Each structure stands twice: as structure tokens, then as C-alpha cells.
């Protein structure tokens, strides 16, 4: 896994994992919806579950730990990792405790909720998470500063256009 992370990059593996999980969740939903019409859809669902786990283990499972460790300097890094770990385990607990109730409520469409969330996570990661492979903390911080400055410049430009229109 470490060699794959160093070769492919954290962001690309994270995005590939999220997209694979999204496609797998959609396949699980289709398999469950059509199971009563086609008996072989149970195989589609099983393959989708295996692929979901594989894509999780390639991307969203390990990659956030790499990224969190690289996004923070030495001082706040332990606190950031503690917060990330707490969020990870809290979300796992919530999903584990609530899944059966959500499955009873949504029926075969339960994985559509996961697919929707995965789409949101993919879009967020695509637009907001930088590649950290081979970059120092200072270089990563500079990427965030540039994004912040460009967002501020866009806001100022929009304000200027509004004032000219008025």
C-alpha cells in the first residue's frame, strides 16, 4: 500500500477510491432493487460489496491518515490526528448503530444514501483537497494560502462589479 501511495499520489488514490465506492454503492442499489426480478442480481450485489471494500482500502481507508499527517506542522499534528481519529470512529459508530434502522426505512435504496454522500465527498475532495505527495508542509500551506487569496480576490471583483452596476 505504501508503495502504491508514493507512486500514484494521495489525492488520486483518494478520488479513485471514492469514485469506486460510489459506483459500487449504485451497483448494490441496482442489485437490491432488481433482485426480485432477476435471481442473478444477488451476484451483482456480492461483487459490488467486495469492490466497495477494495476501493475503500485503496483510498478512503488509509489515505486520510496520510493527508492529515502532512497537512499539519509538527506542533498541531497530534491534535489534528486525534480529532480525525475521533471523527472517524464516531462516524463508524453512528453508521453501525443506525444502519439497520435506515435499511428498514429505505429498503433496497439504502445504499443510494451512501452513493449521494460519496458524490458529495468526491466533489469536496476534488475541489478542496490538494495533492500532498512529495510536498513539504510549507508547500501545502502555500497552496491553501493561494486558494484563500484567489477566493478573496474573486469576492472583491464581484463587489466591484456590483458597485459599478449600481
Protein backbone atom coordinates (compact mmCIF):
# COMPACT_ATOMS: atom_id res chain seq x y z
CA UNK A 1 0.00 0.00 0.00
CA UNK A 2 2.75 2.48 0.91
CA UNK A 3 4.47 1.94 -2.44
CA UNK A 4 1.18 2.50 -4.27
CA UNK A 5 0.57 5.71 -2.30
CA UNK A 6 4.04 7.02 -3.15
CA UNK A 7 3.71 6.07 -6.82
CA UNK A 8 0.15 7.19 -7.58
CA UNK A 9 -0.26 10.05 -5.11
CA UNK A 10 -2.59 10.51 -2.20
CA UNK A 11 -5.22 12.66 -3.86
CA UNK A 12 -5.59 10.48 -6.96
CA UNK A 13 -5.94 7.31 -4.88
CA UNK A 14 -8.42 9.03 -2.59
CA UNK A 15 -10.53 10.22 -5.53
CA UNK A 16 -10.33 6.84 -7.28
CA UNK A 17 -11.39 5.10 -4.08
CA UNK A 18 -14.34 7.45 -3.57
CA UNK A 19 -15.49 7.07 -7.18
CA UNK A 20 -15.13 3.28 -7.00
CA UNK A 21 -17.15 3.21 -3.80
CA UNK A 22 -19.78 5.44 -5.43
CA UNK A 23 -20.12 3.12 -8.43
CA UNK A 24 -20.21 0.09 -6.11
CA UNK A 25 -22.96 1.68 -3.97
CA UNK A 26 -25.02 2.35 -7.10
CA UNK A 27 -24.45 -1.26 -8.23
CA UNK A 28 -25.55 -2.52 -4.80
CA UNK A 29 -28.70 -0.42 -5.04
CA UNK A 30 -29.49 -1.69 -8.55
CA UNK A 31 -28.77 -5.26 -7.44
CA UNK A 32 -31.12 -5.00 -4.45
CA UNK A 33 -33.88 -3.26 -6.41
CA UNK A 34 -33.83 -5.83 -9.22
CA UNK A 35 -33.23 -8.88 -7.01
CA UNK A 36 -36.90 -9.87 -7.06
CA UNK A 37 -36.93 -9.86 -10.90
CA UNK A 38 -33.55 -11.44 -11.60
CA UNK A 39 -32.06 -14.01 -9.24
CA UNK A 40 -28.56 -13.43 -10.64
CA UNK A 41 -28.61 -9.87 -9.26
CA UNK A 42 -27.51 -11.37 -5.95
CA UNK A 43 -24.13 -11.95 -7.61
CA UNK A 44 -24.03 -8.34 -8.76
CA UNK A 45 -24.67 -7.25 -5.18
CA UNK A 46 -21.95 -9.54 -3.83
CA UNK A 47 -19.38 -8.34 -6.35
CA UNK A 48 -20.38 -4.75 -5.60
CA UNK A 49 -19.82 -5.32 -1.87
CA UNK A 50 -16.36 -6.78 -2.50
CA UNK A 51 -15.48 -3.90 -4.82
CA UNK A 52 -16.75 -1.38 -2.28
CA UNK A 53 -14.40 -2.82 0.36
CA UNK A 54 -11.48 -2.96 -2.09
CA UNK A 55 -11.96 0.67 -3.15
CA UNK A 56 -12.29 1.71 0.49
CA UNK A 57 -9.00 0.00 1.31
CA UNK A 58 -7.28 1.70 -1.65
CA UNK A 59 -8.50 5.22 -0.95
CA UNK A 60 -10.73 6.49 1.84
CA UNK A 61 -9.48 3.93 4.38
CA UNK A 62 -5.79 4.81 4.64
CA UNK A 63 -5.32 8.00 2.62
CA UNK A 64 -6.91 10.46 5.08
CA UNK A 65 -4.32 9.40 7.67
CA UNK A 66 -1.52 10.28 5.25
CA UNK A 67 -3.12 13.60 4.33
CA UNK A 68 -3.88 14.67 7.91
CA UNK A 69 -0.31 13.92 8.93
CA UNK A 70 1.00 16.00 6.02
CA UNK A 71 -1.42 18.95 6.27
CA UNK A 72 -0.32 19.99 9.74
CA UNK A 73 3.06 21.08 11.06
CA UNK A 74 4.71 19.26 13.94
CA UNK A 75 3.04 21.33 16.69
CA UNK A 76 -0.69 20.83 15.93
CA UNK A 77 -0.27 17.45 14.19
CA UNK A 78 -1.08 15.24 17.23
CA UNK A 79 -4.25 17.21 17.97
CA UNK A 80 -5.30 17.08 14.30
CA UNK A 81 -4.76 13.32 14.18
CA UNK A 82 -6.73 12.93 17.43
CA UNK A 83 -9.66 14.93 16.01
CA UNK A 84 -9.52 12.97 12.74
CA UNK A 85 -9.49 9.69 14.66
CA UNK A 86 -12.41 10.77 16.82
CA UNK A 87 -14.43 11.83 13.76
CA UNK A 88 -13.60 8.56 12.00
CA UNK A 89 -14.65 6.35 14.91
CA UNK A 90 -17.70 8.48 15.75
CA UNK A 91 -18.96 8.21 12.17
CA UNK A 92 -18.27 4.46 12.12
CA UNK A 93 -20.23 4.11 15.36
CA UNK A 94 -23.15 6.16 14.04
CA UNK A 95 -23.34 4.20 10.80
CA UNK A 96 -23.06 0.91 12.68
CA UNK A 97 -25.80 1.83 15.14
CA UNK A 98 -28.19 3.41 12.64
CA UNK A 99 -27.74 1.26 9.53
CA UNK A 100 -30.41 -1.30 10.38
CA UNK A 101 -33.00 1.41 11.07
CA UNK A 102 -32.12 3.23 7.85
CA UNK A 103 -32.25 -0.06 5.91
CA UNK A 104 -35.70 -0.81 7.37
CA UNK A 105 -36.83 2.68 6.39
CA UNK A 106 -35.32 2.81 2.87
CA UNK A 107 -35.46 -0.83 1.86
CA UNK A 108 -33.38 -1.66 -1.21
CA UNK A 109 -32.48 2.01 -1.70
CA UNK A 110 -30.39 2.18 1.48
CA UNK A 111 -27.12 2.35 -0.46
CA UNK A 112 -28.41 5.27 -2.53
CA UNK A 113 -27.87 7.40 0.59
CA UNK A 114 -24.24 6.27 0.68
CA UNK A 115 -23.91 6.97 -3.04
CA UNK A 116 -25.19 10.52 -2.53
CA UNK A 117 -22.79 11.12 0.35
CA UNK A 118 -19.91 9.66 -1.64
CA UNK A 119 -20.69 12.03 -4.51
CA UNK A 120 -20.53 14.98 -2.09
CA UNK A 121 -17.25 13.68 -0.62
CA UNK A 122 -15.81 13.19 -4.11
CA UNK A 123 -16.71 16.72 -5.19
CA UNK A 124 -15.33 18.20 -1.98
CA UNK A 125 -12.07 16.27 -2.31
CA UNK A 126 -11.78 17.12 -6.00
CA UNK A 127 -12.12 20.85 -5.44
CA UNK A 128 -10.64 21.32 -1.95
CA UNK A 129 -8.07 18.62 -1.14
CA UNK A 130 -4.58 19.26 -2.55
CA UNK A 131 -2.06 16.64 -3.60
CA UNK A 132 0.47 16.26 -0.79
CA UNK A 133 2.79 13.75 -2.48
CA UNK A 134 6.37 14.97 -2.38
CA UNK A 135 5.46 18.34 -0.86
CA UNK A 136 6.65 19.85 2.37
CA UNK A 137 4.27 21.32 4.92
CA UNK A 138 5.24 24.82 3.75
CA UNK A 139 4.39 24.00 0.12
CA UNK A 140 1.00 22.57 1.13
CA UNK A 141 0.26 25.62 3.30
CA UNK A 142 1.15 27.85 0.33
CA UNK A 143 -1.45 26.04 -1.79
CA UNK A 144 -4.13 26.83 0.79
CA UNK A 145 -2.98 30.45 1.02
CA UNK A 146 -3.22 30.83 -2.77
CA UNK A 147 -6.74 29.37 -2.75
CA UNK A 148 -7.73 31.72 0.06
CA UNK A 149 -6.23 34.73 -1.72
CA UNK A 150 -7.85 33.82 -5.04
CA UNK A 151 -11.24 33.40 -3.30
CA UNK A 152 -10.79 36.80 -1.64
CA UNK A 153 -9.84 38.36 -4.98
CA UNK A 154 -12.95 36.86 -6.63
CA UNK A 155 -15.15 38.29 -3.88
CA UNK A 156 -13.58 41.72 -4.29
CA UNK A 157 -14.04 41.54 -8.08
CA UNK A 158 -17.71 40.63 -7.66
CA UNK A 159 -18.18 43.51 -5.19
CA UNK A 160 -16.52 45.89 -7.65
CA UNK A 161 -18.82 44.75 -10.48
CA UNK A 162 -21.89 45.19 -8.29
CA UNK A 163 -20.83 48.71 -7.31
CA UNK A 164 -20.24 49.59 -10.98
CA UNK A 165 -23.71 48.28 -11.92
CA UNK A 166 -25.38 50.34 -9.20
